[in-house]
Amino acid sequence: MKGQYKSEIIQRIKDFKEGEREITTSYESEREKMKVQAQNMIDHISTIFKEALQLSEEDERRNRNEISQRIAEAEGFEQNLDQLIEKFETFTESAYISGDGPGIQLIDRSGTELDNISTDGQPSGLAVMQDGSLIYSDYDNKLIYKVSLNKEKTKLISTKSGPKGLCCTRSGDILVCMGLFNTARVVKYNSSGRKSQEFETDQNGESLFIDPWFICENVNEDICVSDWRKSKVVVLNKSGNLRFTYDWVVLAGILKDRFEPRGVAADILGHILIADANNAVHLISQDGEFLSLILTEDDGISRPRGISVDRSDNLWLVEEDNVCVKMYQYLF
């Protein structure tokens, strides 16, 4: 009996150990399965992230490649397009354009000519007043003309030096770039053409400009002036006090060539857009912080000059060497 009981105990111990080994083996097997499943899940998630990242990069490239929404050829207008300013109708968006010779065109987004205005000389600046009238500067004849909605043309302002770029403010005033070197300044006129203020020096008596040419007003009423000889965009507050200057130095290592500012515009968010003749369009904040190069030669632009933003956040652009107007979307 004792021998039989002993044998049963030994067999039970063997069975227990065998069961333990089976449990351990089963546990290890399940553990390995779980590890494989977990790794497969990690790989799957990683693949999803990689695909999403790749898709985002592809979308970004697609957005950059397809950023040009329309290229409106200015048919029959053989001069290089020099100036650009938007004019908004009730249901349409259109732009006044001028080039190296006399004449101004009004075109819509498809490039169709809606109107044309004859001029004695070459316009050096275009702007639209609050009542919808067009004003343009004539550098050679030292005059600023006003063209009413019924196309009646009158001499609005006679200047001592040739007027260059100009813009109309939200308050109805007219800002005009004038002069060179020690006579360089921005002059403010009221809507009737009466001079009210001049901006020549900063708070320390230093000259603000060398050769101011393009100008716009930002949404905060700052005055943004592009000075290509100074290689800077000079920003003043509405009283004419210097706020900041923006130049190519802040982009050392990003741009290959020096900063050559041309046209300047502001959008509804207060961003300042600057056409750089070295094949770029800069986007900076209203406080002068560089945000991005929204267009480069990779996007098909070449020596951009005139620039404007319409109420639908479309960027209108003309180039120095191409007889066309380009429209881009840059806010997505």
Protein backbone atom coordinates (compact mmCIF):
# COMPACT_ATOMS: atom_id res chain seq x y z
CA MET A 1 0.00 0.00 0.00
CA LYS A 2 2.72 2.40 0.92
CA GLY A 3 4.51 1.66 -2.37
CA GLN A 4 1.33 2.22 -4.37
CA TYR A 5 0.59 5.52 -2.53
CA LYS A 6 4.14 6.64 -3.14
CA SER A 7 3.84 5.86 -6.84
CA GLU A 8 0.62 7.87 -7.06
CA ILE A 9 2.23 10.84 -5.38
CA ILE A 10 5.24 10.65 -7.73
CA GLN A 11 2.89 10.43 -10.73
CA ARG A 12 0.88 13.42 -9.49
CA ILE A 13 4.08 15.40 -9.06
CA LYS A 14 5.08 14.48 -12.62
CA ASP A 15 1.64 15.43 -13.88
CA PHE A 16 1.79 18.71 -12.00
CA LYS A 17 5.19 19.53 -13.44
CA GLU A 18 4.06 18.54 -16.92
CA GLY A 19 0.99 20.71 -16.47
CA GLU A 20 3.18 23.55 -15.25
CA ARG A 21 5.38 23.16 -18.32
CA GLU A 22 2.30 23.16 -20.55
CA ILE A 23 0.96 26.24 -18.80
CA THR A 24 4.34 27.93 -19.06
CA THR A 25 4.64 26.92 -22.70
CA SER A 26 1.12 28.10 -23.37
CA TYR A 27 1.79 31.36 -21.51
CA GLU A 28 5.02 31.91 -23.42
CA SER A 29 3.24 31.10 -26.64
CA GLU A 30 0.43 33.53 -25.90
CA ARG A 31 2.94 36.09 -24.77
CA GLU A 32 4.83 35.75 -28.04
CA LYS A 33 1.54 36.02 -29.94
CA MET A 34 0.67 39.16 -27.99
CA LYS A 35 4.11 40.60 -28.69
CA VAL A 36 3.71 39.85 -32.38
CA GLN A 37 0.23 41.38 -32.37
CA ALA A 38 1.49 44.45 -30.53
CA GLN A 39 4.39 44.84 -32.95
CA ASN A 40 2.01 44.43 -35.88
CA MET A 41 -0.22 47.10 -34.39
CA ILE A 42 2.75 49.42 -33.85
CA ASP A 43 3.90 48.80 -37.43
CA HIS A 44 0.37 49.46 -38.68
CA ILE A 45 0.09 52.71 -36.72
CA SER A 46 3.56 53.72 -37.86
CA THR A 47 2.57 53.06 -41.46
CA ILE A 48 -0.55 55.18 -41.02
CA PHE A 49 1.50 58.05 -39.59
CA LYS A 50 4.05 57.74 -42.36
CA GLU A 51 1.32 57.73 -45.00
CA ALA A 52 -0.35 60.70 -43.33
CA LEU A 53 2.94 62.58 -43.18
CA GLN A 54 3.69 61.70 -46.78
CA LEU A 55 0.20 62.80 -47.76
CA SER A 56 0.66 66.10 -45.90
CA GLU A 57 3.96 66.68 -47.68
CA GLU A 58 2.37 65.77 -51.00
CA ASP A 59 -0.53 68.10 -50.27
CA GLU A 60 1.89 70.88 -49.42
CA ARG A 61 3.82 70.30 -52.62
CA ARG A 62 0.56 70.13 -54.55
CA ASN A 63 -0.57 73.39 -52.98
CA ARG A 64 2.70 75.03 -53.95
CA ASN A 65 2.59 73.56 -57.45
CA GLU A 66 -1.04 74.51 -57.93
CA ILE A 67 -0.85 77.79 -56.05
CA SER A 68 -1.18 79.73 -59.28
CA GLN A 69 -4.92 79.73 -59.83
CA ARG A 70 -5.05 81.91 -62.91
CA ILE A 71 -2.67 83.60 -65.30
CA ALA A 72 -4.43 86.43 -67.04
CA GLU A 73 -2.69 87.41 -70.26
CA ALA A 74 -3.03 91.12 -70.99
CA GLU A 75 -3.74 90.76 -74.71
CA GLY A 76 -2.89 93.73 -76.86
CA PHE A 77 -0.94 95.39 -74.03
CA GLU A 78 2.62 95.05 -75.22
CA GLN A 79 4.41 96.99 -72.48
CA ASN A 80 5.73 95.39 -69.31
CA LEU A 81 3.14 95.73 -66.58
CA ASP A 82 4.54 98.05 -63.96
CA GLN A 83 1.79 98.88 -61.52
CA LEU A 84 -1.14 96.98 -60.11
CA ILE A 85 -3.98 98.02 -57.88
CA GLU A 86 -7.26 96.24 -57.24
CA LYS A 87 -10.70 97.73 -57.84
CA PHE A 88 -13.76 95.96 -56.49
CA GLU A 89 -17.12 95.97 -58.22
CA THR A 90 -20.34 94.80 -56.56
CA PHE A 91 -20.07 91.19 -57.65
CA THR A 92 -16.72 91.03 -59.39
CA GLU A 93 -13.06 91.54 -58.65
CA SER A 94 -10.96 93.45 -61.13
CA ALA A 95 -7.64 95.23 -61.32
CA TYR A 96 -6.23 98.37 -62.87
CA ILE A 97 -2.91 97.76 -64.58
CA SER A 98 -0.37 99.97 -66.35
CA GLY A 99 2.97 99.40 -68.01
CA ASP A 100 6.05 101.05 -69.48
CA GLY A 101 4.03 103.38 -71.70
CA PRO A 102 0.87 105.48 -71.58
CA GLY A 103 -2.51 103.97 -70.81
CA ILE A 104 -4.29 102.11 -68.03
CA GLN A 105 -6.40 98.96 -68.35
CA LEU A 106 -9.08 97.52 -66.12
CA ILE A 107 -9.20 93.72 -66.31
CA ASP A 108 -11.21 91.03 -64.53
CA ARG A 109 -9.93 87.77 -63.07
CA SER A 110 -10.03 86.02 -66.45
CA GLY A 111 -7.89 88.72 -68.06
CA THR A 112 -10.76 90.24 -70.01
CA GLU A 113 -10.41 93.96 -70.55
CA LEU A 114 -13.32 95.80 -68.96
CA ASP A 115 -12.19 99.34 -69.62
CA ASN A 116 -9.21 101.42 -70.67
CA ILE A 117 -8.11 104.93 -69.84
CA SER A 118 -5.86 107.04 -72.03
CA THR A 119 -3.06 109.00 -70.36
CA ASP A 120 -0.62 111.61 -71.66
CA GLY A 121 2.36 110.05 -69.92
CA GLN A 122 3.37 106.80 -68.27
CA PRO A 123 1.59 106.25 -64.93
CA SER A 124 4.00 105.77 -62.04
CA GLY A 125 1.39 104.83 -59.44
CA LEU A 126 -2.27 103.76 -59.26
CA ALA A 127 -4.84 103.88 -56.47
CA VAL A 128 -8.59 103.75 -56.00
CA MET A 129 -10.38 106.33 -53.85
CA GLN A 130 -13.28 105.62 -51.52
CA ASP A 131 -15.82 106.84 -54.07
CA GLY A 132 -14.42 104.42 -56.67
CA SER A 133 -12.51 107.06 -58.63
CA LEU A 134 -9.09 106.14 -59.95
CA ILE A 135 -6.08 108.33 -59.24
CA TYR A 136 -2.72 107.93 -60.91
CA SER A 137 0.62 109.71 -60.69
CA ASP A 138 2.53 111.04 -63.69
CA TYR A 139 6.21 111.25 -62.72
CA ASP A 140 7.47 113.08 -65.79
CA ASN A 141 4.79 115.78 -65.72
CA LYS A 142 4.77 116.07 -61.89
CA LEU A 143 1.03 115.61 -61.67
CA ILE A 144 -1.56 113.40 -59.99
CA TYR A 145 -4.76 112.88 -61.96
CA LYS A 146 -8.19 111.81 -60.84
CA VAL A 147 -10.47 109.81 -63.13
CA SER A 148 -14.11 109.75 -61.98
CA LEU A 149 -16.52 106.87 -62.52
CA ASN A 150 -17.84 108.60 -65.64
CA LYS A 151 -14.21 108.75 -66.90
CA GLU A 152 -13.89 112.51 -66.48
CA LYS A 153 -10.19 113.25 -65.91
CA THR A 154 -8.98 116.20 -63.82
CA LYS A 155 -5.62 117.37 -62.44
CA LEU A 156 -5.89 116.75 -58.71
CA ILE A 157 -2.38 117.59 -57.44
CA SER A 158 0.61 119.40 -58.88
CA THR A 159 3.91 118.43 -57.23
CA LYS A 160 7.40 119.96 -57.10
CA SER A 161 9.11 116.63 -57.75
CA GLY A 162 7.87 113.65 -59.71
CA PRO A 163 5.26 111.61 -57.79
CA LYS A 164 5.86 107.86 -57.72
CA GLY A 165 3.82 105.21 -55.91
CA LEU A 166 0.68 106.26 -54.09
CA CYS A 167 -2.18 104.80 -52.10
CA CYS A 168 -5.49 105.85 -50.56
CA THR A 169 -6.06 105.42 -46.84
CA ARG A 170 -9.16 104.27 -44.99
CA SER A 171 -9.66 107.83 -43.78
CA GLY A 172 -9.75 109.10 -47.37
CA ASP A 173 -6.26 110.64 -47.49
CA ILE A 174 -3.73 110.11 -50.26
CA LEU A 175 -0.14 109.05 -49.53
CA VAL A 176 2.45 109.73 -52.22
CA CYS A 177 6.12 108.70 -52.54
CA MET A 178 8.39 111.48 -53.82
CA GLY A 179 11.99 112.55 -54.13
CA LEU A 180 15.42 110.98 -54.08
CA PHE A 181 18.18 111.00 -51.46
CA ASN A 182 17.94 114.24 -49.44
CA THR A 183 14.51 115.09 -50.89
CA ALA A 184 13.04 111.60 -50.41
CA ARG A 185 9.78 111.69 -48.48
CA VAL A 186 6.17 110.57 -48.25
CA VAL A 187 3.54 113.31 -48.55
CA LYS A 188 -0.02 113.10 -47.27
CA TYR A 189 -2.86 114.93 -49.04
CA ASN A 190 -6.55 115.05 -48.28
CA SER A 191 -9.05 113.81 -50.86
CA SER A 192 -9.27 117.30 -52.35
CA GLY A 193 -5.53 117.37 -53.03
CA ARG A 194 -4.46 119.66 -50.20
CA LYS A 195 -1.15 118.78 -48.54
CA SER A 196 -1.44 118.05 -44.83
CA GLN A 197 1.79 116.34 -43.76
CA GLU A 198 5.25 115.21 -44.90
CA PHE A 199 7.35 112.32 -43.58
CA GLU A 200 11.10 112.68 -44.17
CA THR A 201 13.01 111.88 -40.96
CA ASP A 202 12.67 109.59 -37.97
CA GLN A 203 12.50 110.57 -34.30
CA ASN A 204 16.28 111.09 -34.27
CA GLY A 205 16.35 113.32 -37.32
CA GLU A 206 17.74 110.60 -39.58
CA SER A 207 16.43 110.33 -43.14
CA LEU A 208 13.75 107.68 -43.49
CA PHE A 209 14.17 107.05 -47.19
CA ILE A 210 16.57 107.12 -50.12
CA ASP A 211 14.21 106.35 -53.00
CA PRO A 212 10.68 105.47 -51.81
CA TRP A 213 8.58 104.06 -54.61
CA PHE A 214 5.80 101.67 -53.54
CA ILE A 215 3.44 102.31 -50.64
CA CYS A 216 0.37 100.89 -48.92
CA GLU A 217 -1.61 101.28 -45.70
CA ASN A 218 -1.99 98.34 -43.32
CA VAL A 219 -5.18 97.50 -41.41
CA ASN A 220 -3.70 99.10 -38.27
CA GLU A 221 -3.14 102.32 -40.29
CA ASP A 222 0.62 101.79 -40.47
CA ILE A 223 2.26 103.24 -43.58
CA CYS A 224 4.41 100.64 -45.40
CA VAL A 225 6.95 102.04 -47.86
CA SER A 226 9.20 100.03 -50.17
CA ASP A 227 12.57 101.69 -50.80
CA TRP A 228 14.55 99.68 -53.34
CA ARG A 229 17.74 101.77 -53.17
CA LYS A 230 17.78 101.40 -49.40
CA SER A 231 16.96 97.68 -49.75
CA LYS A 232 14.39 98.06 -47.00
CA VAL A 233 10.70 98.30 -46.32
CA VAL A 234 10.13 101.19 -43.93
CA VAL A 235 7.03 101.05 -41.73
CA LEU A 236 5.66 104.15 -40.00
CA ASN A 237 2.67 104.56 -37.75
CA LYS A 238 -0.17 106.78 -38.92
CA SER A 239 1.52 109.81 -37.34
CA GLY A 240 4.67 109.22 -39.36
CA ASN A 241 6.86 107.87 -36.54
CA LEU A 242 9.19 105.01 -37.46
CA ARG A 243 8.01 101.64 -36.18
CA PHE A 244 10.50 99.30 -37.83
CA THR A 245 12.40 98.51 -41.01
CA TYR A 246 12.57 95.15 -42.73
CA ASP A 247 15.54 94.11 -44.84
CA TRP A 248 17.37 91.13 -46.28
CA VAL A 249 19.67 90.71 -43.27
CA VAL A 250 16.96 88.88 -41.33
CA LEU A 251 16.98 86.25 -44.07
CA ALA A 252 20.72 85.62 -44.18
CA GLY A 253 21.18 82.02 -45.26
CA ILE A 254 17.69 81.78 -46.80
CA LEU A 255 18.02 84.09 -49.77
CA LYS A 256 20.99 83.84 -52.08
CA ASP A 257 20.91 87.46 -53.22
CA ARG A 258 20.36 90.82 -51.60
CA PHE A 259 16.87 92.02 -50.83
CA GLU A 260 15.39 94.11 -53.65
CA PRO A 261 11.93 95.24 -52.49
CA ARG A 262 9.41 96.35 -55.08
CA GLY A 263 5.64 96.30 -54.62
CA VAL A 264 4.16 96.14 -51.12
CA ALA A 265 0.65 95.19 -49.99
CA ALA A 266 -1.24 94.32 -46.83
CA ASP A 267 -4.01 91.78 -46.30
CA ILE A 268 -7.03 91.65 -44.00
CA LEU A 269 -4.98 89.91 -41.27
CA GLY A 270 -2.41 92.70 -41.18
CA HIS A 271 0.27 90.69 -42.95
CA ILE A 272 2.62 92.69 -45.14
CA LEU A 273 3.49 91.17 -48.52
CA ILE A 274 6.61 92.33 -50.31
CA ALA A 275 7.61 91.64 -53.89
CA ASP A 276 11.35 90.96 -54.02
CA ALA A 277 12.95 91.33 -57.48
CA ASN A 278 15.18 88.39 -56.56
CA ASN A 279 12.29 86.05 -57.38
CA ALA A 280 10.45 85.93 -54.07
CA VAL A 281 7.42 87.26 -52.23
CA HIS A 282 7.96 87.81 -48.51
CA LEU A 283 5.23 87.54 -45.90
CA ILE A 284 5.87 89.37 -42.63
CA SER A 285 3.74 90.27 -39.64
CA GLN A 286 2.48 93.78 -38.96
CA ASP A 287 5.32 94.04 -36.40
CA GLY A 288 8.04 93.14 -38.91
CA GLU A 289 8.53 89.47 -38.03
CA PHE A 290 9.46 87.29 -41.00
CA LEU A 291 6.85 84.58 -41.51
CA SER A 292 7.64 82.91 -44.81
CA LEU A 293 8.51 83.18 -48.46
CA ILE A 294 5.11 82.46 -49.93
CA LEU A 295 6.38 82.46 -53.51
CA THR A 296 9.80 81.76 -55.01
CA GLU A 297 11.15 80.95 -58.45
CA ASP A 298 10.13 77.33 -57.75
CA ASP A 299 6.56 78.58 -58.06
CA GLY A 300 7.27 80.06 -61.46
CA ILE A 301 7.70 83.73 -60.61
CA SER A 302 10.40 85.93 -62.11
CA ARG A 303 11.33 89.40 -60.85
CA PRO A 304 7.96 90.31 -59.30
CA ARG A 305 7.14 94.01 -59.18
CA GLY A 306 3.54 95.15 -58.73
CA ILE A 307 1.58 93.37 -56.02
CA SER A 308 -1.87 93.66 -54.46
CA VAL A 309 -4.30 91.60 -52.36
CA ASP A 310 -8.06 91.62 -53.00
CA ARG A 311 -10.89 91.08 -50.54
CA SER A 312 -10.98 87.35 -51.28
CA ASP A 313 -7.33 87.06 -50.21
CA ASN A 314 -6.15 86.55 -53.79
CA LEU A 315 -2.66 87.82 -54.50
CA TRP A 316 -2.37 89.71 -57.80
CA LEU A 317 1.16 89.92 -59.17
CA VAL A 318 2.91 91.47 -62.15
CA GLU A 319 6.50 90.79 -63.15
CA GLU A 320 9.11 93.08 -64.63
CA ASP A 321 9.90 90.87 -67.61
CA ASN A 322 6.54 89.26 -68.45
CA VAL A 323 3.49 90.81 -70.08
CA CYS A 324 0.95 89.12 -67.84
CA VAL A 325 -0.89 89.32 -64.54
CA LYS A 326 -0.75 86.33 -62.22
CA MET A 327 -3.17 85.49 -59.45
CA TYR A 328 -2.31 83.26 -56.49
CA GLN A 329 -4.01 81.94 -53.37
CA TYR A 330 -1.72 81.97 -50.36
CA LEU A 331 -4.13 81.71 -47.40
CA PHE A 332 -5.45 78.14 -47.07
